[in-house]
PDB file of N, CA and C in Angstrom:
ATOM      1  N   UNK A   1     108.622 206.653  90.704  1.00  0.00           N
ATOM      2  CA  UNK A   1     108.451 205.449  91.513  1.00  0.00           C
ATOM      3  C   UNK A   1     108.871 204.239  90.669  1.00  0.00           C
ATOM      4  N   UNK A   2     109.732 203.433  91.202  1.00  0.00           N
ATOM      5  CA  UNK A   2     110.211 202.275  90.458  1.00  0.00           C
ATOM      6  C   UNK A   2     109.285 201.075  90.665  1.00  0.00           C
ATOM      7  N   UNK A   3     109.611 199.989  89.973  1.00  0.00           N
ATOM      8  CA  UNK A   3     108.752 198.797  90.019  1.00  0.00           C
ATOM      9  C   UNK A   3     108.677 198.193  91.417  1.00  0.00           C
ATOM     10  N   UNK A   4     109.793 198.191  92.145  1.00  0.00           N
ATOM     11  CA  UNK A   4     109.800 197.606  93.487  1.00  0.00           C
ATOM     12  C   UNK A   4     108.888 198.376  94.434  1.00  0.00           C
ATOM     13  N   UNK A   5     108.935 199.701  94.353  1.00  0.00           N
ATOM     14  CA  UNK A   5     108.060 200.528  95.195  1.00  0.00           C
ATOM     15  C   UNK A   5     106.594 200.301  94.836  1.00  0.00           C
ATOM     16  N   UNK A   6     106.320 200.229  93.544  1.00  0.00           N
ATOM     17  CA  UNK A   6     104.943 199.974  93.095  1.00  0.00           C
ATOM     18  C   UNK A   6     104.467 198.618  93.588  1.00  0.00           C
ATOM     19  N   UNK A   7     105.347 197.612  93.538  1.00  0.00           N
ATOM     20  CA  UNK A   7     104.994 196.272  94.015  1.00  0.00           C
ATOM     21  C   UNK A   7     104.708 196.289  95.516  1.00  0.00           C
ATOM     22  N   UNK A   8     105.516 197.008  96.280  1.00  0.00           N
ATOM     23  CA  UNK A   8     105.313 197.108  97.725  1.00  0.00           C
ATOM     24  C   UNK A   8     103.972 197.752  98.038  1.00  0.00           C
ATOM     25  N   UNK A   9     103.647 198.818  97.337  1.00  0.00           N
ATOM     26  CA  UNK A   9     102.364 199.505  97.558  1.00  0.00           C
ATOM     27  C   UNK A   9     101.208 198.588  97.186  1.00  0.00           C
ATOM     28  N   UNK A  10     101.357 197.844  96.099  1.00  0.00           N
ATOM     29  CA  UNK A  10     100.313 196.901  95.676  1.00  0.00           C
ATOM     30  C   UNK A  10     100.101 195.821  96.735  1.00  0.00           C
ATOM     31  N   UNK A  11     101.208 195.290  97.283  1.00  0.00           N
ATOM     32  CA  UNK A  11     101.095 194.274  98.329  1.00  0.00           C
ATOM     33  C   UNK A  11     100.414 194.821  99.575  1.00  0.00           C
ATOM     34  N   UNK A  12     100.756 196.038  99.969  1.00  0.00           N
ATOM     35  CA  UNK A  12     100.113 196.637 101.146  1.00  0.00           C
ATOM     36  C   UNK A  12      98.627 196.849 100.923  1.00  0.00           C
ATOM     37  N   UNK A  13      98.267 197.313  99.724  1.00  0.00           N
ATOM     38  CA  UNK A  13      96.850 197.509  99.412  1.00  0.00           C
ATOM     39  C   UNK A  13      96.097 196.180  99.431  1.00  0.00           C
ATOM     40  N   UNK A  14      96.720 195.147  98.865  1.00  0.00           N
ATOM     41  CA  UNK A  14      96.090 193.825  98.879  1.00  0.00           C
ATOM     42  C   UNK A  14      95.968 193.302 100.307  1.00  0.00           C
ATOM     43  N   UNK A  15      96.982 193.544 101.123  1.00  0.00           N
ATOM     44  CA  UNK A  15      96.956 193.135 102.529  1.00  0.00           C
ATOM     45  C   UNK A  15      95.797 193.807 103.272  1.00  0.00           C
ATOM     46  N   UNK A  16      95.647 195.101 103.057  1.00  0.00           N
ATOM     47  CA  UNK A  16      94.545 195.831 103.701  1.00  0.00           C
ATOM     48  C   UNK A  16      93.195 195.289 103.235  1.00  0.00           C
ATOM     49  N   UNK A  17      93.088 195.052 101.921  1.00  0.00           N
ATOM     50  CA  UNK A  17      91.831 194.532 101.373  1.00  0.00           C
ATOM     51  C   UNK A  17      91.501 193.166 101.959  1.00  0.00           C
ATOM     52  N   UNK A  18      92.487 192.281 102.010  1.00  0.00           N
ATOM     53  CA  UNK A  18      92.245 190.952 102.584  1.00  0.00           C
ATOM     54  C   UNK A  18      91.884 191.031 104.056  1.00  0.00           C
ATOM     55  N   UNK A  19      92.514 191.933 104.785  1.00  0.00           N
ATOM     56  CA  UNK A  19      92.209 192.090 106.204  1.00  0.00           C
ATOM     57  C   UNK A  19      90.767 192.552 106.397  1.00  0.00           C
ATOM     58  N   UNK A  20      90.353 193.544 105.627  1.00  0.00           N
ATOM     59  CA  UNK A  20      88.978 194.036 105.734  1.00  0.00           C
ATOM     60  C   UNK A  20      87.973 192.977 105.292  1.00  0.00           C
ATOM     61  N   UNK A  21      88.314 192.225 104.237  1.00  0.00           N
ATOM     62  CA  UNK A  21      87.430 191.139 103.787  1.00  0.00           C
ATOM     63  C   UNK A  21      87.283 190.076 104.864  1.00  0.00           C
ATOM     64  N   UNK A  22      88.381 189.751 105.539  1.00  0.00           N
ATOM     65  CA  UNK A  22      88.332 188.752 106.612  1.00  0.00           C
ATOM     66  C   UNK A  22      87.429 189.228 107.746  1.00  0.00           C
ATOM     67  N   UNK A  23      87.542 190.499 108.098  1.00  0.00           N
ATOM     68  CA  UNK A  23      86.713 191.026 109.187  1.00  0.00           C
ATOM     69  C   UNK A  23      85.231 191.051 108.816  1.00  0.00           C
ATOM     70  N   UNK A  24      84.932 191.197 107.540  1.00  0.00           N
ATOM     71  CA  UNK A  24      83.540 191.250 107.087  1.00  0.00           C
ATOM     72  C   UNK A  24      82.959 189.875 106.808  1.00  0.00           C
ATOM     73  N   UNK A  25      83.786 188.837 106.759  1.00  0.00           N
ATOM     74  CA  UNK A  25      83.318 187.480 106.457  1.00  0.00           C
ATOM     75  C   UNK A  25      82.423 186.972 107.584  1.00  0.00           C
ATOM     76  N   UNK A  26      81.271 186.436 107.198  1.00  0.00           N
ATOM     77  CA  UNK A  26      80.327 185.912 108.183  1.00  0.00           C
ATOM     78  C   UNK A  26      80.649 184.477 108.595  1.00  0.00           C
ATOM     79  N   UNK A  27      81.070 183.685 107.642  1.00  0.00           N
ATOM     80  CA  UNK A  27      81.354 182.278 107.892  1.00  0.00           C
ATOM     81  C   UNK A  27      82.785 182.090 108.391  1.00  0.00           C
ATOM     82  N   UNK A  28      82.961 181.166 109.296  1.00  0.00           N
ATOM     83  CA  UNK A  28      84.291 180.871 109.834  1.00  0.00           C
ATOM     84  C   UNK A  28      85.225 180.358 108.748  1.00  0.00           C
ATOM     85  N   UNK A  29      84.718 179.508 107.854  1.00  0.00           N
ATOM     86  CA  UNK A  29      85.565 178.957 106.790  1.00  0.00           C
ATOM     87  C   UNK A  29      86.090 180.060 105.878  1.00  0.00           C
ATOM     88  N   UNK A  30      85.228 180.991 105.508  1.00  0.00           N
ATOM     89  CA  UNK A  30      85.645 182.102 104.649  1.00  0.00           C
ATOM     90  C   UNK A  30      86.666 182.976 105.381  1.00  0.00           C
ATOM     91  N   UNK A  31      86.417 183.237 106.638  1.00  0.00           N
ATOM     92  CA  UNK A  31      87.325 184.040 107.467  1.00  0.00           C
ATOM     93  C   UNK A  31      88.719 183.417 107.491  1.00  0.00           C
ATOM     94  N   UNK A  32      88.778 182.119 107.749  1.00  0.00           N
ATOM     95  CA  UNK A  32      90.065 181.438 107.849  1.00  0.00           C
ATOM     96  C   UNK A  32      90.762 181.356 106.489  1.00  0.00           C
ATOM     97  N   UNK A  33      90.001 181.134 105.428  1.00  0.00           N
ATOM     98  CA  UNK A  33      90.589 181.068 104.089  1.00  0.00           C
ATOM     99  C   UNK A  33      91.245 182.400 103.713  1.00  0.00           C
ATOM    100  N   UNK A  34      90.574 183.495 104.021  1.00  0.00           N
ATOM    101  CA  UNK A  34      91.128 184.811 103.726  1.00  0.00           C
ATOM    102  C   UNK A  34      92.376 185.066 104.568  1.00  0.00           C
ATOM    103  N   UNK A  35      92.344 184.645 105.825  1.00  0.00           N
ATOM    104  CA  UNK A  35      93.530 184.822 106.672  1.00  0.00           C
ATOM    105  C   UNK A  35      94.726 184.026 106.150  1.00  0.00           C
ATOM    106  N   UNK A  36      94.481 182.852 105.593  1.00  0.00           N
ATOM    107  CA  UNK A  36      95.570 182.067 105.024  1.00  0.00           C
ATOM    108  C   UNK A  36      96.167 182.749 103.793  1.00  0.00           C
ATOM    109  N   UNK A  37      95.314 183.338 102.957  1.00  0.00           N
ATOM    110  CA  UNK A  37      95.808 184.105 101.807  1.00  0.00           C
ATOM    111  C   UNK A  37      96.636 185.292 102.291  1.00  0.00           C
ATOM    112  N   UNK A  38      96.129 185.946 103.303  1.00  0.00           N
ATOM    113  CA  UNK A  38      96.810 187.112 103.870  1.00  0.00           C
ATOM    114  C   UNK A  38      98.156 186.717 104.468  1.00  0.00           C
ATOM    115  N   UNK A  39      98.216 185.537 105.072  1.00  0.00           N
ATOM    116  CA  UNK A  39      99.456 185.062 105.675  1.00  0.00           C
ATOM    117  C   UNK A  39     100.534 184.847 104.618  1.00  0.00           C
ATOM    118  N   UNK A  40     100.157 184.314 103.469  1.00  0.00           N
ATOM    119  CA  UNK A  40     101.123 184.123 102.380  1.00  0.00           C
ATOM    120  C   UNK A  40     101.650 185.471 101.891  1.00  0.00           C
ATOM    121  N   UNK A  41     100.776 186.459 101.841  1.00  0.00           N
ATOM    122  CA  UNK A  41     101.162 187.789 101.376  1.00  0.00           C
ATOM    123  C   UNK A  41     102.074 188.485 102.389  1.00  0.00           C
ATOM    124  N   UNK A  42     101.805 188.302 103.648  1.00  0.00           N
ATOM    125  CA  UNK A  42     102.613 188.989 104.665  1.00  0.00           C
ATOM    126  C   UNK A  42     104.046 188.472 104.677  1.00  0.00           C
ATOM    127  N   UNK A  43     104.239 187.224 104.282  1.00  0.00           N
ATOM    128  CA  UNK A  43     105.603 186.711 104.161  1.00  0.00           C
ATOM    129  C   UNK A  43     106.414 187.508 103.147  1.00  0.00           C
ATOM    130  N   UNK A  44     105.790 187.848 102.027  1.00  0.00           N
ATOM    131  CA  UNK A  44     106.458 188.669 101.004  1.00  0.00           C
ATOM    132  C   UNK A  44     106.745 190.067 101.536  1.00  0.00           C
ATOM    133  N   UNK A  45     105.780 190.628 102.257  1.00  0.00           N
ATOM    134  CA  UNK A  45     105.932 191.984 102.785  1.00  0.00           C
ATOM    135  C   UNK A  45     107.080 192.043 103.793  1.00  0.00           C
ATOM    136  N   UNK A  46     107.185 191.045 104.645  1.00  0.00           N
ATOM    137  CA  UNK A  46     108.241 191.026 105.659  1.00  0.00           C
ATOM    138  C   UNK A  46     109.616 190.926 105.004  1.00  0.00           C
ATOM    139  N   UNK A  47     109.715 190.118 103.958  1.00  0.00           N
ATOM    140  CA  UNK A  47     111.008 189.968 103.276  1.00  0.00           C
ATOM    141  C   UNK A  47     111.468 191.281 102.636  1.00  0.00           C
ATOM    142  N   UNK A  48     110.538 192.117 102.221  1.00  0.00           N
ATOM    143  CA  UNK A  48     110.879 193.373 101.552  1.00  0.00           C
ATOM    144  C   UNK A  48     111.187 194.503 102.526  1.00  0.00           C
ATOM    145  N   UNK A  49     110.934 194.292 103.806  1.00  0.00           N
ATOM    146  CA  UNK A  49     111.189 195.310 104.836  1.00  0.00           C
ATOM    147  C   UNK A  49     110.573 196.659 104.451  1.00  0.00           C
ATOM    148  N   UNK A  50     109.284 196.666 104.308  1.00  0.00           N
ATOM    149  CA  UNK A  50     108.563 197.870 103.898  1.00  0.00           C
ATOM    150  C   UNK A  50     108.446 198.821 105.081  1.00  0.00           C
ATOM    151  N   UNK A  51     108.818 200.066 104.872  1.00  0.00           N
ATOM    152  CA  UNK A  51     108.688 201.093 105.906  1.00  0.00           C
ATOM    153  C   UNK A  51     107.326 201.769 105.756  1.00  0.00           C
ATOM    154  N   UNK A  52     106.664 202.008 106.892  1.00  0.00           N
ATOM    155  CA  UNK A  52     105.335 202.597 106.886  1.00  0.00           C
ATOM    156  C   UNK A  52     105.322 203.919 107.646  1.00  0.00           C
ATOM    157  N   UNK A  53     104.384 204.746 107.253  1.00  0.00           N
ATOM    158  CA  UNK A  53     104.150 205.996 107.977  1.00  0.00           C
ATOM    159  C   UNK A  53     103.480 205.655 109.312  1.00  0.00           C
ATOM    160  N   UNK A  54     103.683 206.478 110.339  1.00  0.00           N
ATOM    161  CA  UNK A  54     103.074 206.185 111.653  1.00  0.00           C
ATOM    162  C   UNK A  54     101.546 206.076 111.607  1.00  0.00           C
ATOM    163  N   UNK A  55     100.885 206.913 110.811  1.00  0.00           N
ATOM    164  CA  UNK A  55      99.424 206.839 110.720  1.00  0.00           C
ATOM    165  C   UNK A  55      98.968 205.518 110.103  1.00  0.00           C
ATOM    166  N   UNK A  56      99.648 205.132 109.039  1.00  0.00           N
ATOM    167  CA  UNK A  56      99.296 203.882 108.376  1.00  0.00           C
ATOM    168  C   UNK A  56      99.600 202.693 109.285  1.00  0.00           C
ATOM    169  N   UNK A  57     100.693 202.769 110.007  1.00  0.00           N
ATOM    170  CA  UNK A  57     101.063 201.702 110.923  1.00  0.00           C
ATOM    171  C   UNK A  57     100.032 201.551 112.039  1.00  0.00           C
ATOM    172  N   UNK A  58      99.554 202.653 112.593  1.00  0.00           N
ATOM    173  CA  UNK A  58      98.552 202.568 113.656  1.00  0.00           C
ATOM    174  C   UNK A  58      97.227 202.030 113.107  1.00  0.00           C
ATOM    175  N   UNK A  59      96.898 202.384 111.865  1.00  0.00           N
ATOM    176  CA  UNK A  59      95.679 201.858 111.228  1.00  0.00           C
ATOM    177  C   UNK A  59      95.776 200.338 111.077  1.00  0.00           C
ATOM    178  N   UNK A  60      96.917 199.868 110.574  1.00  0.00           N
ATOM    179  CA  UNK A  60      97.109 198.430 110.401  1.00  0.00           C
ATOM    180  C   UNK A  60      97.136 197.696 111.736  1.00  0.00           C
ATOM    181  N   UNK A  61      97.703 198.327 112.762  1.00  0.00           N
ATOM    182  CA  UNK A  61      97.712 197.715 114.101  1.00  0.00           C
ATOM    183  C   UNK A  61      96.278 197.587 114.635  1.00  0.00           C
ATOM    184  N   UNK A  62      95.458 198.602 114.380  1.00  0.00           N
ATOM    185  CA  UNK A  62      94.055 198.530 114.789  1.00  0.00           C
ATOM    186  C   UNK A  62      93.318 197.394 114.097  1.00  0.00           C
ATOM    187  N   UNK A  63      93.566 197.241 112.797  1.00  0.00           N
ATOM    188  CA  UNK A  63      92.945 196.129 112.064  1.00  0.00           C
ATOM    189  C   UNK A  63      93.409 194.787 112.606  1.00  0.00           C
ATOM    190  N   UNK A  64      94.692 194.711 112.913  1.00  0.00           N
ATOM    191  CA  UNK A  64      95.240 193.466 113.446  1.00  0.00           C
ATOM    192  C   UNK A  64      94.628 193.139 114.810  1.00  0.00           C
ATOM    193  N   UNK A  65      94.395 194.168 115.610  1.00  0.00           N
ATOM    194  CA  UNK A  65      93.731 193.964 116.897  1.00  0.00           C
ATOM    195  C   UNK A  65      92.323 193.411 116.721  1.00  0.00           C
ATOM    196  N   UNK A  66      91.611 193.920 115.717  1.00  0.00           N
ATOM    197  CA  UNK A  66      90.261 193.406 115.436  1.00  0.00           C
ATOM    198  C   UNK A  66      90.305 191.962 114.959  1.00  0.00           C
ATOM    199  N   UNK A  67      91.330 191.611 114.162  1.00  0.00           N
ATOM    200  CA  UNK A  67      91.492 190.220 113.713  1.00  0.00           C
ATOM    201  C   UNK A  67      91.723 189.313 114.918  1.00  0.00           C
ATOM    202  N   UNK A  68      92.582 189.753 115.848  1.00  0.00           N
ATOM    203  CA  UNK A  68      92.859 188.955 117.042  1.00  0.00           C
ATOM    204  C   UNK A  68      91.608 188.775 117.902  1.00  0.00           C
ATOM    205  N   UNK A  69      90.800 189.819 118.021  1.00  0.00           N
ATOM    206  CA  UNK A  69      89.546 189.713 118.775  1.00  0.00           C
ATOM    207  C   UNK A  69      88.616 188.691 118.132  1.00  0.00           C
ATOM    208  N   UNK A  70      88.521 188.732 116.815  1.00  0.00           N
ATOM    209  CA  UNK A  70      87.662 187.781 116.102  1.00  0.00           C
ATOM    210  C   UNK A  70      88.170 186.346 116.275  1.00  0.00           C
ATOM    211  N   UNK A  71      89.485 186.162 116.185  1.00  0.00           N
ATOM    212  CA  UNK A  71      90.048 184.828 116.385  1.00  0.00           C
ATOM    213  C   UNK A  71      89.775 184.315 117.800  1.00  0.00           C
ATOM    214  N   UNK A  72      89.905 185.192 118.773  1.00  0.00           N
ATOM    215  CA  UNK A  72      89.629 184.803 120.162  1.00  0.00           C
ATOM    216  C   UNK A  72      88.156 184.437 120.330  1.00  0.00           C
ATOM    217  N   UNK A  73      87.277 185.185 119.717  1.00  0.00           N
ATOM    218  CA  UNK A  73      85.837 184.895 119.781  1.00  0.00           C
ATOM    219  C   UNK A  73      85.538 183.532 119.145  1.00  0.00           C
ATOM    220  N   UNK A  74      86.135 183.262 117.998  1.00  0.00           N
ATOM    221  CA  UNK A  74      85.935 181.973 117.329  1.00  0.00           C
ATOM    222  C   UNK A  74      86.501 180.834 118.175  1.00  0.00           C
ATOM    223  N   UNK A  75      87.641 181.058 118.816  1.00  0.00           N
ATOM    224  CA  UNK A  75      88.243 180.033 119.674  1.00  0.00           C
ATOM    225  C   UNK A  75      87.323 179.693 120.840  1.00  0.00           C
ATOM    226  N   UNK A  76      86.777 180.736 121.469  1.00  0.00           N
ATOM    227  CA  UNK A  76      85.848 180.512 122.590  1.00  0.00           C
ATOM    228  C   UNK A  76      84.629 179.732 122.136  1.00  0.00           C
ATOM    229  N   UNK A  77      84.118 180.062 120.964  1.00  0.00           N
ATOM    230  CA  UNK A  77      82.935 179.387 120.436  1.00  0.00           C
ATOM    231  C   UNK A  77      83.231 177.911 120.158  1.00  0.00           C
ATOM    232  N   UNK A  78      84.397 177.616 119.609  1.00  0.00           N
ATOM    233  CA  UNK A  78      84.779 176.232 119.325  1.00  0.00           C
ATOM    234  C   UNK A  78      84.932 175.446 120.621  1.00  0.00           C
ATOM    235  N   UNK A  79      85.561 176.048 121.621  1.00  0.00           N
ATOM    236  CA  UNK A  79      85.714 175.372 122.914  1.00  0.00           C
ATOM    237  C   UNK A  79      84.355 175.104 123.546  1.00  0.00           C
ATOM    238  N   UNK A  80      83.449 176.057 123.436  1.00  0.00           N
ATOM    239  CA  UNK A  80      82.093 175.872 123.974  1.00  0.00           C
ATOM    240  C   UNK A  80      81.393 174.723 123.252  1.00  0.00           C
ATOM    241  N   UNK A  81      81.516 174.668 121.933  1.00  0.00           N
ATOM    242  CA  UNK A  81      80.896 173.593 121.162  1.00  0.00           C
ATOM    243  C   UNK A  81      81.491 172.238 121.528  1.00  0.00           C
ATOM    244  N   UNK A  82      82.799 172.200 121.751  1.00  0.00           N
ATOM    245  CA  UNK A  82      83.445 170.948 122.150  1.00  0.00           C
ATOM    246  C   UNK A  82      82.945 170.491 123.518  1.00  0.00           C
ATOM    247  N   UNK A  83      82.735 171.420 124.422  1.00  0.00           N
ATOM    248  CA  UNK A  83      82.220 171.074 125.749  1.00  0.00           C
ATOM    249  C   UNK A  83      80.804 170.508 125.631  1.00  0.00           C
ATOM    250  N   UNK A  84      79.990 171.101 124.752  1.00  0.00           N
ATOM    251  CA  UNK A  84      78.633 170.593 124.544  1.00  0.00           C
ATOM    252  C   UNK A  84      78.650 169.171 124.004  1.00  0.00           C
ATOM    253  N   UNK A  85      79.537 168.908 123.057  1.00  0.00           N
ATOM    254  CA  UNK A  85      79.644 167.565 122.495  1.00  0.00           C
ATOM    255  C   UNK A  85      80.068 166.576 123.579  1.00  0.00           C
ATOM    256  N   UNK A  86      81.011 166.976 124.417  1.00  0.00           N
ATOM    257  CA  UNK A  86      81.460 166.110 125.505  1.00  0.00           C
ATOM    258  C   UNK A  86      80.334 165.783 126.481  1.00  0.00           C
ATOM    259  N   UNK A  87      79.527 166.780 126.807  1.00  0.00           N
ATOM    260  CA  UNK A  87      78.400 166.554 127.714  1.00  0.00           C
ATOM    261  C   UNK A  87      77.385 165.606 127.094  1.00  0.00           C
ATOM    262  N   UNK A  88      77.102 165.789 125.815  1.00  0.00           N
ATOM    263  CA  UNK A  88      76.145 164.905 125.140  1.00  0.00           C
ATOM    264  C   UNK A  88      76.674 163.481 125.076  1.00  0.00           C
ATOM    265  N   UNK A  89      77.959 163.343 124.854  1.00  0.00           N
ATOM    266  CA  UNK A  89      78.577 162.022 124.780  1.00  0.00           C
ATOM    267  C   UNK A  89      78.469 161.305 126.133  1.00  0.00           C
ATOM    268  N   UNK A  90      78.736 162.050 127.219  1.00  0.00           N
ATOM    269  CA  UNK A  90      78.617 161.458 128.560  1.00  0.00           C
ATOM    270  C   UNK A  90      77.166 161.089 128.860  1.00  0.00           C
ATOM    271  N   UNK A  91      76.233 161.910 128.423  1.00  0.00           N
ATOM    272  CA  UNK A  91      74.814 161.622 128.664  1.00  0.00           C
ATOM    273  C   UNK A  91      74.379 160.370 127.912  1.00  0.00           C
ATOM    274  N   UNK A  92      74.872 160.199 126.708  1.00  0.00           N
ATOM    275  CA  UNK A  92      74.512 159.010 125.928  1.00  0.00           C
ATOM    276  C   UNK A  92      75.075 157.749 126.583  1.00  0.00           C
ATOM    277  N   UNK A  93      76.296 157.831 127.098  1.00  0.00           N
ATOM    278  CA  UNK A  93      76.907 156.670 127.739  1.00  0.00           C
ATOM    279  C   UNK A  93      76.145 156.270 129.001  1.00  0.00           C
ATOM    280  N   UNK A  94      75.606 157.241 129.721  1.00  0.00           N
ATOM    281  CA  UNK A  94      74.904 156.967 130.975  1.00  0.00           C
ATOM    282  C   UNK A  94      73.443 156.593 130.766  1.00  0.00           C
ATOM    283  N   UNK A  95      72.943 156.761 129.560  1.00  0.00           N
ATOM    284  CA  UNK A  95      71.523 156.523 129.307  1.00  0.00           C
ATOM    285  C   UNK A  95      71.190 155.043 129.399  1.00  0.00           C
ATOM    286  N   UNK A  96      70.110 154.736 130.109  1.00  0.00           N
ATOM    287  CA  UNK A  96      69.559 153.385 130.132  1.00  0.00           C
ATOM    288  C   UNK A  96      68.082 153.495 129.794  1.00  0.00           C
ATOM    289  N   UNK A  97      67.571 152.589 128.985  1.00  0.00           N
ATOM    290  CA  UNK A  97      66.153 152.676 128.606  1.00  0.00           C
ATOM    291  C   UNK A  97      65.245 152.569 129.831  1.00  0.00           C
ATOM    292  N   UNK A  98      64.214 153.373 129.856  1.00  0.00           N
ATOM    293  CA  UNK A  98      63.280 153.389 130.983  1.00  0.00           C
ATOM    294  C   UNK A  98      61.979 152.661 130.654  1.00  0.00           C
ATOM    295  N   UNK A  99      61.852 152.167 129.422  1.00  0.00           N
ATOM    296  CA  UNK A  99      60.615 151.526 128.996  1.00  0.00           C
ATOM    297  C   UNK A  99      60.758 150.005 129.066  1.00  0.00           C
ATOM    298  N   UNK A 100      59.649 149.293 129.225  1.00  0.00           N
ATOM    299  CA  UNK A 100      59.724 147.827 129.362  1.00  0.00           C
ATOM    300  C   UNK A 100      59.825 147.108 128.015  1.00  0.00           C
ATOM    301  N   UNK A 101      60.230 147.762 126.959  1.00  0.00           N
ATOM    302  CA  UNK A 101      60.338 147.111 125.652  1.00  0.00           C
ATOM    303  C   UNK A 101      61.616 146.285 125.586  1.00  0.00           C
ATOM    304  N   UNK A 102      61.530 145.119 124.929  1.00  0.00           N
ATOM    305  CA  UNK A 102      62.769 144.334 124.763  1.00  0.00           C
ATOM    306  C   UNK A 102      63.672 145.037 123.745  1.00  0.00           C
ATOM    307  N   UNK A 103      64.944 144.771 123.800  1.00  0.00           N
ATOM    308  CA  UNK A 103      65.847 145.412 122.835  1.00  0.00           C
ATOM    309  C   UNK A 103      65.557 144.932 121.419  1.00  0.00           C
ATOM    310  N   UNK A 104      65.774 145.805 120.475  1.00  0.00           N
ATOM    311  CA  UNK A 104      65.535 145.472 119.067  1.00  0.00           C
ATOM    312  C   UNK A 104      66.592 144.480 118.606  1.00  0.00           C
ATOM    313  N   UNK A 105      66.193 143.478 117.815  1.00  0.00           N
ATOM    314  CA  UNK A 105      67.204 142.560 117.287  1.00  0.00           C
ATOM    315  C   UNK A 105      68.087 143.290 116.272  1.00  0.00           C
ATOM    316  N   UNK A 106      69.351 142.986 116.296  1.00  0.00           N
ATOM    317  CA  UNK A 106      70.286 143.662 115.399  1.00  0.00           C
ATOM    318  C   UNK A 106      70.189 143.121 113.980  1.00  0.00           C
ATOM    319  N   UNK A 107      69.816 141.849 113.850  1.00  0.00           N
ATOM    320  CA  UNK A 107      69.717 141.243 112.520  1.00  0.00           C
ATOM    321  C   UNK A 107      68.327 140.654 112.328  1.00  0.00           C
ATOM    322  N   UNK A 108      67.835 140.742 111.140  1.00  0.00           N
ATOM    323  CA  UNK A 108      66.503 140.218 110.839  1.00  0.00           C
ATOM    324  C   UNK A 108      66.628 138.964 109.985  1.00  0.00           C
ATOM    325  N   UNK A 109      65.798 138.008 110.276  1.00  0.00           N
ATOM    326  CA  UNK A 109      65.795 136.768 109.514  1.00  0.00           C
ATOM    327  C   UNK A 109      64.915 136.958 108.296  1.00  0.00           C
ATOM    328  N   UNK A 110      65.410 136.677 107.097  1.00  0.00           N
ATOM    329  CA  UNK A 110      64.638 136.890 105.868  1.00  0.00           C
ATOM    330  C   UNK A 110      63.753 135.692 105.515  1.00  0.00           C
ATOM    331  N   UNK A 111      63.788 134.613 106.294  1.00  0.00           N
ATOM    332  CA  UNK A 111      63.026 133.418 105.978  1.00  0.00           C
ATOM    333  C   UNK A 111      61.551 133.548 106.316  1.00  0.00           C
ATOM    334  N   UNK A 112      61.149 134.501 107.036  1.00  0.00           N
ATOM    335  CA  UNK A 112      59.857 134.660 107.604  1.00  0.00           C
ATOM    336  C   UNK A 112      58.703 134.511 106.803  1.00  0.00           C
TER     337      UNK A 112
END
């Protein structure tokens, strides 16, 4: 096995490791950071035109499907959070005080 083949195998192993790490990440920030590292690595893999066995290819496709499911889940969660923020913002704009208290002065006089 020559150096190029060894490098290709190393890149594939690192790609698999990063993919599994991303799927196991609990935090969104960690998940996205790992995906960005993986994206840089996949650029190298594509340039080398690495040929894969059908079993390995189906395994990687399955992992990729799980990554896409996780991304879709995170997208839905972000959209839901944005909708909640929008509703709260509209509620704040429509709010009028119901108590007979006068409004608080914005500035205080220090001469008192």
